């Protein structure tokens, strides 16, 4: 079929990369934004624009909030079909309380799980959440969409397609294909260093695009490989769900045996018991961490079997001073405060897993490294986008002569995925500033705006890519770049008008979460304007390339 192995690898690289490159573009871009998801949350929810706070007092602030919580209506409605009989109006049996924070969270998120009478699966719970100001315990509006952590971040790894975990499977397949594309991309280049470290912007469109594709691919090659691999490791439990399918009885038995080994009760005793001072348990946990030269704040706190004699409190250290995602957990008897267990040092395999997970999720406190993550993600976007462009540039003249529409379709999808995605992202931020705060289901409307704007960008892309059928540059690229510039500046201005937090104010106050988002959008606007002007100059018909491309690129 192919003359040699390298040409076979070129075919694999081209077609596999094309079909799943659209997914990978979304994954890379929203993964880059997710590095600063909490900062985007603060931009989107002005009530949360204060400095990050440590874990507050459980006894004085958190416990009253937990006791006042109830499951959300959505969680109850989803559970109805798995319960014999009517659902109770009020849930009186909390099974689990939990609270989590990071060094970047000003507000505090609480969750609580409740037992459901007559449930088909007695272990299945209904859940409620609450967002509070940790300084006072005051509840904040929970219907406002945390655009960074609750929309952009899950879009990165699940495409927000939750039916049968479809989004996870699509992203997992794309990550696997990306590993294949990285390997084949290296194999297909004969003169590796000369081709991969060369950029000739003044050459023809096709040559300069291929140079940029190669350059962005190789510069961040370790980053791209690491993120694709660690992403697959993190969600291995979804892709190979043996513990909850084929081996579910063994999994249940393992949980029982583990509870016997650790001394942490697996079941409720059925005997009511009060909760001792959790603040005292936190102080003891911090004392023990400090004794091991690991002084730190609490990152995660959970109560299991709430109000029961078998209840216990698990306290985990915020591991922001290390890459490995580990919490050094200490567990206490909830009613007496007695230490039940300190998590032992992890095994070698567990250490590797913790390191790979922490490397991907980047919860560490290192701002320069976080920006390098953003740069690596955006470099991946540039690599994928130039791959789309090269595919179109190489084939559009042949397709124009034969009357084929393949190049036009790919170009329209590329416009939708590259510039259209940016327009939709700015659109949801503008909707966040324009929609009334009192609007019911406001967060849902913001998401509708995102998908609707992206759909309109796709319609525009297909409408304005007709010149590709005549071997010319599609004007959709330049027009959507101008739209990005206008929308980015508009979002910054609307933030100023609706909150009073203009850029000079946030910069002078050193409040970088909001200032950083505004600056990022202004830089995006500048890049979009420069790109649009360059595209206008490039819009003139180009002469056919005269054998400048390397042999392997010509067969890609």
Protein backbone atom coordinates (compact mmCIF):
# COMPACT_ATOMS: atom_id res chain seq x y z
CA UNK A 1 0.00 0.00 0.00
CA UNK A 2 2.86 2.38 0.88
CA UNK A 3 6.34 2.55 -0.59
CA UNK A 4 8.03 2.55 2.81
CA UNK A 5 7.37 2.62 6.55
CA UNK A 6 7.79 6.39 6.87
CA UNK A 7 5.07 7.09 4.32
CA UNK A 8 2.77 4.72 6.20
CA UNK A 9 3.47 6.69 9.38
CA UNK A 10 2.77 9.93 7.51
CA UNK A 11 -0.64 8.59 6.46
CA UNK A 12 -1.46 7.58 10.05
CA UNK A 13 -0.28 10.95 11.36
CA UNK A 14 -2.35 12.90 8.81
CA UNK A 15 -5.68 11.13 8.98
CA UNK A 16 -5.77 10.15 12.63
CA UNK A 17 -4.63 13.64 13.60
CA UNK A 18 -7.23 15.24 11.35
CA UNK A 19 -10.26 13.36 12.63
CA UNK A 20 -9.48 13.71 16.33
CA UNK A 21 -7.56 16.99 16.11
CA UNK A 22 -10.83 18.88 16.52
CA UNK A 23 -11.35 17.22 19.91
CA UNK A 24 -7.73 17.74 20.92
CA UNK A 25 -7.99 21.44 20.08
CA UNK A 26 -10.81 21.78 22.61
CA UNK A 27 -8.91 19.71 25.18
CA UNK A 28 -5.71 21.75 24.86
CA UNK A 29 -7.39 25.15 24.85
CA UNK A 30 -9.69 24.62 27.81
CA UNK A 31 -6.93 22.74 29.61
CA UNK A 32 -4.83 25.90 29.27
CA UNK A 33 -7.66 28.02 30.68
CA UNK A 34 -8.20 25.51 33.48
CA UNK A 35 -4.72 26.25 34.84
CA UNK A 36 -6.31 29.47 36.12
CA UNK A 37 -9.88 28.22 36.55
CA UNK A 38 -10.27 29.73 40.04
CA UNK A 39 -9.13 33.11 38.79
CA UNK A 40 -11.70 32.97 35.98
CA UNK A 41 -14.32 32.11 38.64
CA UNK A 42 -13.49 35.31 40.50
CA UNK A 43 -13.82 37.33 37.32
CA UNK A 44 -17.21 35.72 36.64
CA UNK A 45 -18.56 36.05 40.20
CA UNK A 46 -17.73 39.51 41.59
CA UNK A 47 -18.97 38.50 45.07
CA UNK A 48 -15.93 36.22 45.32
CA UNK A 49 -13.35 38.90 44.60
CA UNK A 50 -11.38 38.75 47.83
CA UNK A 51 -8.17 37.05 48.85
CA UNK A 52 -7.97 33.25 49.24
CA UNK A 53 -8.68 32.06 52.76
CA UNK A 54 -7.42 29.11 54.84
CA UNK A 55 -9.83 26.45 56.05
CA UNK A 56 -12.08 28.19 58.62
CA UNK A 57 -13.16 26.88 62.03
CA UNK A 58 -15.30 23.79 61.65
CA UNK A 59 -16.99 24.09 65.03
CA UNK A 60 -17.97 27.76 64.65
CA UNK A 61 -18.49 28.25 60.91
CA UNK A 62 -18.73 25.00 58.96
CA UNK A 63 -20.81 22.80 61.26
CA UNK A 64 -23.88 25.13 61.34
CA UNK A 65 -23.78 25.33 57.53
CA UNK A 66 -23.63 21.54 57.17
CA UNK A 67 -26.55 21.09 59.58
CA UNK A 68 -28.62 23.49 57.49
CA UNK A 69 -27.88 21.81 54.15
CA UNK A 70 -30.21 19.62 52.08
CA UNK A 71 -29.76 17.72 48.80
CA UNK A 72 -30.18 19.67 45.60
CA UNK A 73 -33.39 19.30 43.64
CA UNK A 74 -31.45 17.97 40.63
CA UNK A 75 -29.83 15.20 42.71
CA UNK A 76 -33.17 14.18 44.19
CA UNK A 77 -34.88 14.12 40.78
CA UNK A 78 -32.11 11.95 39.31
CA UNK A 79 -32.53 9.48 42.17
CA UNK A 80 -36.33 9.05 41.94
CA UNK A 81 -36.20 6.23 39.39
CA UNK A 82 -33.93 4.18 41.66
CA UNK A 83 -36.13 4.33 44.76
CA UNK A 84 -39.14 2.23 45.75
CA UNK A 85 -41.84 4.63 46.88
CA UNK A 86 -41.92 8.43 47.21
CA UNK A 87 -38.87 10.52 47.99
CA UNK A 88 -38.92 12.23 51.41
CA UNK A 89 -39.51 15.95 51.59
CA UNK A 90 -36.72 16.39 54.13
CA UNK A 91 -33.55 14.34 54.51
CA UNK A 92 -32.54 13.76 58.13
CA UNK A 93 -29.69 11.26 57.71
CA UNK A 94 -26.49 12.84 56.45
CA UNK A 95 -23.91 10.17 55.75
CA UNK A 96 -20.97 12.27 54.58
CA UNK A 97 -19.86 15.87 54.93
CA UNK A 98 -16.90 17.27 53.05
CA UNK A 99 -15.14 20.56 52.37
CA UNK A 100 -12.24 21.28 50.04
CA UNK A 101 -10.11 24.32 49.33
CA UNK A 102 -6.86 25.31 47.62
CA UNK A 103 -4.43 28.19 47.96
CA UNK A 104 -6.33 29.91 45.12
CA UNK A 105 -9.90 29.62 46.48
CA UNK A 106 -11.44 32.68 48.13
CA UNK A 107 -14.83 30.98 48.59
CA UNK A 108 -15.39 27.58 50.12
CA UNK A 109 -17.32 24.70 48.58
CA UNK A 110 -19.14 22.27 50.87
CA UNK A 111 -20.88 19.03 49.93
CA UNK A 112 -23.09 16.64 51.87
CA UNK A 113 -24.42 13.17 51.02
CA UNK A 114 -27.69 11.84 52.40
CA UNK A 115 -29.09 8.34 52.74
CA UNK A 116 -32.25 7.63 50.74
CA UNK A 117 -34.88 5.35 52.30
CA UNK A 118 -35.89 2.35 50.11
CA UNK A 119 -33.15 3.00 47.54
CA UNK A 120 -32.35 0.09 45.23
CA UNK A 121 -28.68 0.53 46.19
CA UNK A 122 -28.46 1.48 49.91
CA UNK A 123 -24.95 2.88 49.36
CA UNK A 124 -26.15 5.41 46.76
CA UNK A 125 -26.61 8.89 48.16
CA UNK A 126 -28.22 12.16 47.12
CA UNK A 127 -25.97 15.18 47.30
CA UNK A 128 -26.23 18.82 48.20
CA UNK A 129 -23.67 21.59 47.79
CA UNK A 130 -23.20 25.02 49.30
CA UNK A 131 -20.78 27.85 48.56
CA UNK A 132 -19.92 30.11 51.49
CA UNK A 133 -17.74 33.05 52.43
CA UNK A 134 -15.19 31.33 54.72
CA UNK A 135 -14.71 34.52 56.71
CA UNK A 136 -18.29 34.63 57.93
CA UNK A 137 -20.02 31.40 56.89
CA UNK A 138 -22.52 33.41 54.85
CA UNK A 139 -23.95 31.44 51.94
CA UNK A 140 -23.25 32.84 48.49
CA UNK A 141 -25.57 32.39 45.50
CA UNK A 142 -25.07 28.82 44.33
CA UNK A 143 -26.90 29.27 41.05
CA UNK A 144 -24.12 31.41 39.58
CA UNK A 145 -21.97 29.45 37.16
CA UNK A 146 -18.34 29.08 38.16
CA UNK A 147 -17.25 29.40 34.55
CA UNK A 148 -13.65 28.40 35.17
CA UNK A 149 -13.95 25.41 37.50
CA UNK A 150 -17.45 24.17 36.63
CA UNK A 151 -17.56 24.75 32.87
CA UNK A 152 -14.16 25.28 31.23
CA UNK A 153 -12.41 22.70 33.41
CA UNK A 154 -14.83 19.78 32.80
CA UNK A 155 -15.03 20.80 29.15
CA UNK A 156 -11.31 20.04 29.02
CA UNK A 157 -11.63 16.38 30.02
CA UNK A 158 -15.27 15.43 29.33
CA UNK A 159 -16.53 17.90 26.68
CA UNK A 160 -19.43 18.32 29.15
CA UNK A 161 -21.02 15.24 27.55
CA UNK A 162 -22.07 13.22 30.59
CA UNK A 163 -24.47 10.69 29.04
CA UNK A 164 -22.88 7.28 29.73
CA UNK A 165 -19.56 9.12 30.22
CA UNK A 166 -19.43 9.66 26.46
CA UNK A 167 -17.24 12.76 26.75
CA UNK A 168 -14.61 10.91 28.80
CA UNK A 169 -14.43 8.17 26.18
CA UNK A 170 -14.08 10.62 23.28
CA UNK A 171 -11.32 12.54 25.05
CA UNK A 172 -9.59 9.30 26.04
CA UNK A 173 -9.62 8.10 22.44
CA UNK A 174 -8.28 11.48 21.31
CA UNK A 175 -5.47 11.29 23.90
CA UNK A 176 -4.53 7.80 22.72
CA UNK A 177 -4.50 8.94 19.10
CA UNK A 178 -2.41 11.93 20.13
CA UNK A 179 0.28 9.60 21.46
CA UNK A 180 0.19 7.82 18.10
CA UNK A 181 0.41 11.16 16.26
CA UNK A 182 3.42 12.23 18.34
CA UNK A 183 5.30 9.03 17.61
CA UNK A 184 4.43 8.98 13.90
CA UNK A 185 5.22 12.68 13.59
CA UNK A 186 8.78 12.02 14.73
CA UNK A 187 9.18 8.90 12.57
CA UNK A 188 7.97 10.53 9.35
CA UNK A 189 10.70 13.21 9.35
CA UNK A 190 13.88 12.12 7.62
CA UNK A 191 16.04 15.13 8.49
CA UNK A 192 14.69 15.59 12.00
CA UNK A 193 16.67 18.48 13.42
CA UNK A 194 16.85 20.53 10.24
CA UNK A 195 13.13 20.27 9.58
CA UNK A 196 11.84 20.49 13.14
CA UNK A 197 13.87 23.55 14.14
CA UNK A 198 13.35 25.61 11.00
CA UNK A 199 10.76 28.35 10.50
CA UNK A 200 10.60 30.34 7.24
CA UNK A 201 7.76 32.86 7.58
CA UNK A 202 8.54 34.57 4.27
CA UNK A 203 8.15 31.44 2.20
CA UNK A 204 4.91 30.25 0.63
CA UNK A 205 1.82 29.67 2.78
CA UNK A 206 2.24 25.91 2.65
CA UNK A 207 5.93 25.94 3.57
CA UNK A 208 5.65 28.41 6.45
CA UNK A 209 2.59 26.65 7.88
CA UNK A 210 4.36 23.29 7.83
CA UNK A 211 7.44 24.82 9.44
CA UNK A 212 5.32 26.27 12.23
CA UNK A 213 3.49 22.96 12.68
CA UNK A 214 6.78 21.11 13.05
CA UNK A 215 8.28 23.74 15.34
CA UNK A 216 5.35 23.93 17.76
CA UNK A 217 5.10 20.16 17.76
CA UNK A 218 8.70 19.51 18.73
CA UNK A 219 9.23 22.41 21.16
CA UNK A 220 6.52 21.14 23.49
CA UNK A 221 6.83 17.45 22.60
CA UNK A 222 7.61 16.27 26.18
CA UNK A 223 4.72 18.40 27.49
CA UNK A 224 2.27 17.00 24.95
CA UNK A 225 3.34 13.41 25.61
CA UNK A 226 3.21 13.85 29.38
CA UNK A 227 -0.28 15.34 29.38
CA UNK A 228 -1.74 12.78 27.00
CA UNK A 229 -0.26 9.91 29.01
CA UNK A 230 -1.13 11.23 32.48
CA UNK A 231 -4.66 12.07 31.35
CA UNK A 232 -5.15 8.43 30.38
CA UNK A 233 -3.70 7.33 33.73
CA UNK A 234 -6.06 9.58 35.72
CA UNK A 235 -9.19 8.23 34.03
CA UNK A 236 -8.04 4.62 33.77
CA UNK A 237 -10.84 3.66 36.17
CA UNK A 238 -13.40 4.83 33.59
CA UNK A 239 -11.73 3.19 30.62
CA UNK A 240 -11.18 -0.09 32.51
CA UNK A 241 -14.08 -0.19 35.02
CA UNK A 242 -13.45 -3.71 36.26
CA UNK A 243 -13.90 -2.91 39.95
CA UNK A 244 -17.53 -1.83 39.51
CA UNK A 245 -18.52 -4.28 36.77
CA UNK A 246 -16.92 -7.70 36.40
CA UNK A 247 -15.24 -7.58 39.82
CA UNK A 248 -17.88 -5.72 41.84
CA UNK A 249 -18.31 -8.47 44.50
CA UNK A 250 -14.54 -8.62 44.93
CA UNK A 251 -14.42 -4.83 45.10
CA UNK A 252 -17.03 -4.78 47.89
CA UNK A 253 -15.14 -7.46 49.81
CA UNK A 254 -11.92 -5.50 49.41
CA UNK A 255 -13.57 -2.43 50.95
CA UNK A 256 -14.64 -4.47 53.99
CA UNK A 257 -11.19 -5.97 54.43
CA UNK A 258 -9.57 -2.57 53.99
CA UNK A 259 -11.76 -1.09 56.73
CA UNK A 260 -10.73 -3.93 59.05
CA UNK A 261 -7.07 -3.32 58.28
CA UNK A 262 -7.19 0.45 58.68
CA UNK A 263 -9.60 0.56 61.60
CA UNK A 264 -11.91 2.97 59.73
CA UNK A 265 -15.48 1.64 59.99
CA UNK A 266 -17.10 0.57 56.74
CA UNK A 267 -20.73 0.60 57.97
CA UNK A 268 -22.77 2.73 60.33
CA UNK A 269 -23.26 1.31 63.82
CA UNK A 270 -26.84 2.54 64.03
CA UNK A 271 -26.12 4.23 67.36
CA UNK A 272 -26.34 7.99 67.58
CA UNK A 273 -23.24 9.83 68.83
CA UNK A 274 -22.26 13.50 69.09
CA UNK A 275 -19.42 15.08 67.12
CA UNK A 276 -16.43 16.14 69.22
CA UNK A 277 -14.46 19.33 68.50
CA UNK A 278 -13.18 18.99 64.94
CA UNK A 279 -11.08 22.10 65.48
CA UNK A 280 -9.12 20.19 68.12
CA UNK A 281 -8.62 17.35 65.63
CA UNK A 282 -7.35 19.83 63.03
CA UNK A 283 -4.88 21.27 65.55
CA UNK A 284 -3.62 17.76 66.37
CA UNK A 285 -3.26 16.91 62.67
CA UNK A 286 -1.24 20.08 62.06
CA UNK A 287 0.94 19.29 65.08
CA UNK A 288 1.71 15.84 63.68
CA UNK A 289 2.48 17.26 60.22
CA UNK A 290 4.84 19.82 61.77
CA UNK A 291 6.57 17.06 63.77
CA UNK A 292 7.42 15.44 60.43
CA UNK A 293 8.74 18.75 59.03
CA UNK A 294 5.62 19.05 56.86
CA UNK A 295 3.81 21.97 58.45
CA UNK A 296 0.86 23.07 56.31
CA UNK A 297 -2.79 24.01 56.09
CA UNK A 298 -5.79 21.74 55.73
CA UNK A 299 -6.83 21.15 52.13
CA UNK A 300 -9.62 18.62 52.50
CA UNK A 301 -11.75 17.63 55.48
CA UNK A 302 -14.45 14.94 55.49
CA UNK A 303 -16.78 13.33 58.02
CA UNK A 304 -17.95 9.79 57.30
CA UNK A 305 -21.03 8.27 59.05
CA UNK A 306 -22.12 11.66 60.41
CA UNK A 307 -23.80 11.49 63.84
CA UNK A 308 -23.09 7.78 64.26
CA UNK A 309 -20.92 5.93 66.77
CA UNK A 310 -18.82 4.66 63.86
CA UNK A 311 -18.29 8.15 62.50
CA UNK A 312 -14.79 9.34 61.76
CA UNK A 313 -13.11 12.53 60.57
CA UNK A 314 -10.46 12.49 57.83
CA UNK A 315 -8.15 15.50 57.58
CA UNK A 316 -5.79 15.92 54.63
CA UNK A 317 -2.93 18.34 54.25
CA UNK A 318 -2.97 20.82 51.35
CA UNK A 319 -0.02 19.59 49.31
CA UNK A 320 0.67 22.82 47.46
CA UNK A 321 4.40 22.59 48.19
CA UNK A 322 4.91 19.47 46.07
CA UNK A 323 4.00 18.09 42.69
CA UNK A 324 2.72 14.71 43.92
CA UNK A 325 -0.98 14.88 44.74
CA UNK A 326 -0.86 13.52 48.28
CA UNK A 327 -2.62 14.69 51.40
CA UNK A 328 -0.89 12.95 54.34
CA UNK A 329 -4.28 11.98 55.78
CA UNK A 330 -4.94 11.59 59.50
CA UNK A 331 -8.20 10.02 60.68
CA UNK A 332 -9.98 10.60 64.01
CA UNK A 333 -12.91 9.05 65.85
CA UNK A 334 -15.65 11.63 65.33
CA UNK A 335 -17.20 11.31 68.80
CA UNK A 336 -14.02 11.09 70.91
CA UNK A 337 -11.33 12.83 68.86
CA UNK A 338 -9.02 9.82 69.22
CA UNK A 339 -6.56 9.25 66.39
CA UNK A 340 -7.57 6.10 64.53
CA UNK A 341 -4.97 6.07 61.80
CA UNK A 342 -2.22 7.99 60.05
CA UNK A 343 -1.88 7.09 56.39
CA UNK A 344 1.38 5.16 55.91
CA UNK A 345 4.01 6.22 53.38
CA UNK A 346 2.82 5.31 49.90
CA UNK A 347 4.28 2.39 48.01
CA UNK A 348 6.47 2.91 44.96
CA UNK A 349 3.52 2.37 42.63
CA UNK A 350 1.36 4.77 44.64
CA UNK A 351 4.12 7.38 44.56
CA UNK A 352 4.30 7.16 40.78
CA UNK A 353 0.52 7.47 40.51
CA UNK A 354 0.47 10.46 42.89
CA UNK A 355 3.28 12.15 40.98
CA UNK A 356 1.69 11.64 37.55
CA UNK A 357 -1.71 12.81 38.83
CA UNK A 358 -0.21 15.87 40.52
CA UNK A 359 1.87 16.64 37.44
CA UNK A 360 -1.31 16.79 35.36
CA UNK A 361 -3.61 18.55 37.84
CA UNK A 362 -0.94 21.11 38.93
CA UNK A 363 -2.30 21.98 42.38
CA UNK A 364 1.15 23.15 43.43
CA UNK A 365 2.01 26.72 44.38
CA UNK A 366 4.39 27.73 41.58
CA UNK A 367 3.21 30.56 39.33
CA UNK A 368 6.01 30.37 36.76
CA UNK A 369 5.40 26.66 36.23
CA UNK A 370 1.67 27.30 35.88
CA UNK A 371 2.35 29.81 33.10
CA UNK A 372 4.60 27.26 31.41
CA UNK A 373 1.61 24.89 31.47
CA UNK A 374 -0.47 27.56 29.75
CA UNK A 375 2.26 28.13 27.18
CA UNK A 376 2.54 24.40 26.54
CA UNK A 377 -1.20 24.06 26.07
CA UNK A 378 -1.40 27.00 23.68
CA UNK A 379 1.58 25.61 21.78
CA UNK A 380 -0.41 22.42 21.36
CA UNK A 381 -3.31 24.48 20.00
CA UNK A 382 -0.96 26.16 17.51
CA UNK A 383 0.41 22.77 16.43
CA UNK A 384 -3.07 21.37 15.80
CA UNK A 385 -4.34 24.52 14.07
CA UNK A 386 -1.37 24.64 11.70
CA UNK A 387 -1.95 20.96 10.97
CA UNK A 388 -5.47 21.80 9.82
CA UNK A 389 -4.19 24.69 7.72
CA UNK A 390 -1.50 22.60 6.08
CA UNK A 391 -4.02 19.90 5.20
CA UNK A 392 -6.22 22.48 3.46
CA UNK A 393 -3.38 24.38 1.76
CA UNK A 394 -1.89 21.20 0.35
CA UNK A 395 -5.14 19.92 -1.14
CA UNK A 396 -7.34 22.88 -1.98
CA UNK A 397 -5.96 23.38 -5.53
CA UNK A 398 -6.38 19.71 -6.38
CA UNK A 399 -9.88 19.66 -4.91
CA UNK A 400 -10.78 22.87 -6.77
CA UNK A 401 -9.75 21.33 -10.10
CA UNK A 402 -11.73 18.16 -9.41
CA UNK A 403 -14.77 19.94 -7.97
CA UNK A 404 -14.36 18.21 -4.58
CA UNK A 405 -15.47 19.86 -1.34
CA UNK A 406 -13.18 18.05 1.10
CA UNK A 407 -10.83 20.99 1.64
CA UNK A 408 -13.71 23.41 2.12
CA UNK A 409 -15.33 21.18 4.77
CA UNK A 410 -12.07 20.73 6.67
CA UNK A 411 -11.37 24.46 6.49
CA UNK A 412 -14.84 25.32 7.81
CA UNK A 413 -14.46 22.86 10.68
CA UNK A 414 -11.00 24.27 11.41
CA UNK A 415 -12.38 27.82 11.56
CA UNK A 416 -15.15 26.60 13.87
CA UNK A 417 -12.70 24.81 16.15
CA UNK A 418 -10.00 27.48 16.27
CA UNK A 419 -11.48 30.97 16.04
CA UNK A 420 -15.08 29.89 16.63
CA UNK A 421 -14.11 28.35 19.96
CA UNK A 422 -12.44 31.60 21.03
CA UNK A 423 -15.54 33.57 20.06
CA UNK A 424 -17.73 31.22 22.11
CA UNK A 425 -15.39 31.53 25.10
CA UNK A 426 -15.53 35.31 25.00
CA UNK A 427 -19.28 35.09 24.39
CA UNK A 428 -19.95 33.27 27.66
CA UNK A 429 -17.87 35.87 29.55
CA UNK A 430 -19.85 38.69 27.95
CA UNK A 431 -23.12 36.89 28.75
CA UNK A 432 -21.92 36.57 32.34
CA UNK A 433 -21.64 40.36 32.55
CA UNK A 434 -24.88 41.15 30.69
CA UNK A 435 -27.44 38.65 32.02
CA UNK A 436 -29.40 39.90 35.07
CA UNK A 437 -28.17 38.46 38.38
CA UNK A 438 -31.79 37.69 39.34
CA UNK A 439 -32.42 35.66 36.18
CA UNK A 440 -33.59 32.13 37.13
CA UNK A 441 -31.13 29.42 36.07
CA UNK A 442 -28.69 32.14 35.05
CA UNK A 443 -25.78 29.72 34.81
CA UNK A 444 -27.74 27.53 32.42
CA UNK A 445 -28.46 30.54 30.20
CA UNK A 446 -24.75 31.36 30.14
CA UNK A 447 -24.02 27.85 28.89
CA UNK A 448 -26.76 28.20 26.26
CA UNK A 449 -25.04 31.40 25.10
CA UNK A 450 -21.73 29.57 24.79
CA UNK A 451 -23.11 26.75 22.65
CA UNK A 452 -25.36 29.07 20.64
CA UNK A 453 -22.53 31.46 19.79
CA UNK A 454 -20.29 28.55 18.85
CA UNK A 455 -23.05 27.23 16.59
CA UNK A 456 -23.36 30.63 14.90
CA UNK A 457 -19.59 30.72 14.40
CA UNK A 458 -19.85 27.34 12.68
CA UNK A 459 -22.62 28.58 10.37
CA UNK A 460 -20.51 31.62 9.50
CA UNK A 461 -17.48 29.40 8.86
CA UNK A 462 -19.31 27.21 6.35
CA UNK A 463 -20.93 30.24 4.70
CA UNK A 464 -17.68 32.18 4.26
CA UNK A 465 -15.36 29.35 3.23
CA UNK A 466 -16.73 29.15 -0.32
CA UNK A 467 -13.50 30.70 -1.75
CA UNK A 468 -11.63 27.57 -0.64
CA UNK A 469 -13.47 25.71 -3.41
CA UNK A 470 -11.69 28.13 -5.78
CA UNK A 471 -8.28 27.50 -4.12
CA UNK A 472 -8.36 30.82 -2.27
CA UNK A 473 -8.10 31.78 1.41
CA UNK A 474 -11.41 31.71 3.29
CA UNK A 475 -12.38 35.17 4.58
CA UNK A 476 -13.98 33.48 7.61
CA UNK A 477 -10.57 33.34 9.29
CA UNK A 478 -9.96 37.07 9.18
CA UNK A 479 -13.55 38.01 9.97
CA UNK A 480 -13.64 35.83 13.05
CA UNK A 481 -10.27 37.24 14.16
CA UNK A 482 -11.81 40.72 14.04
CA UNK A 483 -14.78 39.38 16.02
CA UNK A 484 -12.40 37.99 18.67
CA UNK A 485 -10.72 41.39 19.01
CA UNK A 486 -14.04 43.21 19.41
CA UNK A 487 -15.45 40.68 21.88
CA UNK A 488 -12.29 40.58 24.00
CA UNK A 489 -12.22 44.36 24.42
CA UNK A 490 -15.98 44.36 25.05
CA UNK A 491 -15.62 41.81 27.86
CA UNK A 492 -12.97 43.95 29.58
CA UNK A 493 -15.10 47.09 29.25
CA UNK A 494 -18.22 45.30 30.51
CA UNK A 495 -16.33 44.07 33.56
CA UNK A 496 -15.42 47.69 34.27
CA UNK A 497 -18.98 48.98 33.77
CA UNK A 498 -20.77 46.26 35.75
CA UNK A 499 -18.35 45.88 38.68
CA UNK A 500 -16.23 49.05 38.74
CA UNK A 501 -13.09 46.90 38.73
CA UNK A 502 -11.30 48.48 35.79
CA UNK A 503 -7.80 47.42 34.88
CA UNK A 504 -6.03 50.38 36.50
CA UNK A 505 -7.84 49.66 39.77
CA UNK A 506 -7.05 45.94 39.86
CA UNK A 507 -3.43 46.51 38.82
CA UNK A 508 -2.86 49.22 41.43
CA UNK A 509 -4.41 46.98 44.10
CA UNK A 510 -2.32 44.02 42.96
CA UNK A 511 -5.45 41.91 42.52
CA UNK A 512 -4.04 39.71 39.80
CA UNK A 513 -6.89 37.21 39.37
CA UNK A 514 -9.17 39.79 37.77
CA UNK A 515 -6.39 41.93 36.30
CA UNK A 516 -4.81 38.83 34.77
CA UNK A 517 -8.03 37.77 33.04
CA UNK A 518 -8.52 41.28 31.64
CA UNK A 519 -4.91 41.48 30.46
CA UNK A 520 -5.12 38.05 28.86
CA UNK A 521 -8.18 39.13 26.89
CA UNK A 522 -6.53 42.37 25.79
CA UNK A 523 -3.44 40.49 24.62
CA UNK A 524 -5.75 38.09 22.76
CA UNK A 525 -7.40 41.07 21.09
CA UNK A 526 -4.01 42.40 19.98
CA UNK A 527 -2.94 39.02 18.60
CA UNK A 528 -6.29 38.70 16.80
CA UNK A 529 -5.88 42.13 15.16
CA UNK A 530 -2.33 41.34 14.01
CA UNK A 531 -3.46 37.97 12.69
CA UNK A 532 -6.43 39.48 10.84
CA UNK A 533 -4.21 42.06 9.15
CA UNK A 534 -1.69 39.41 8.14
CA UNK A 535 -4.50 37.27 6.73
CA UNK A 536 -5.68 40.20 4.64
CA UNK A 537 -2.22 40.46 3.09
CA UNK A 538 -2.15 36.71 2.52
CA UNK A 539 -5.61 36.67 0.93
CA UNK A 540 -4.13 37.32 -2.51
CA UNK A 541 -3.94 34.14 -4.64
CA UNK A 542 -0.66 32.28 -4.11
CA UNK A 543 1.34 30.59 -6.90
CA UNK A 544 1.57 26.84 -6.70
CA UNK A 545 4.42 25.61 -4.54
CA UNK A 546 7.44 24.51 -6.53
CA UNK A 547 8.70 21.43 -4.79
CA UNK A 548 9.74 23.16 -1.58
CA UNK A 549 8.19 20.55 0.67
CA UNK A 550 10.11 17.58 1.93
CA UNK A 551 9.23 14.14 0.63
CA UNK A 552 7.48 13.03 3.79
CA UNK A 553 5.44 16.26 4.01
CA UNK A 554 4.39 15.91 0.38
CA UNK A 555 2.90 12.49 1.16
CA UNK A 556 1.20 13.66 4.41
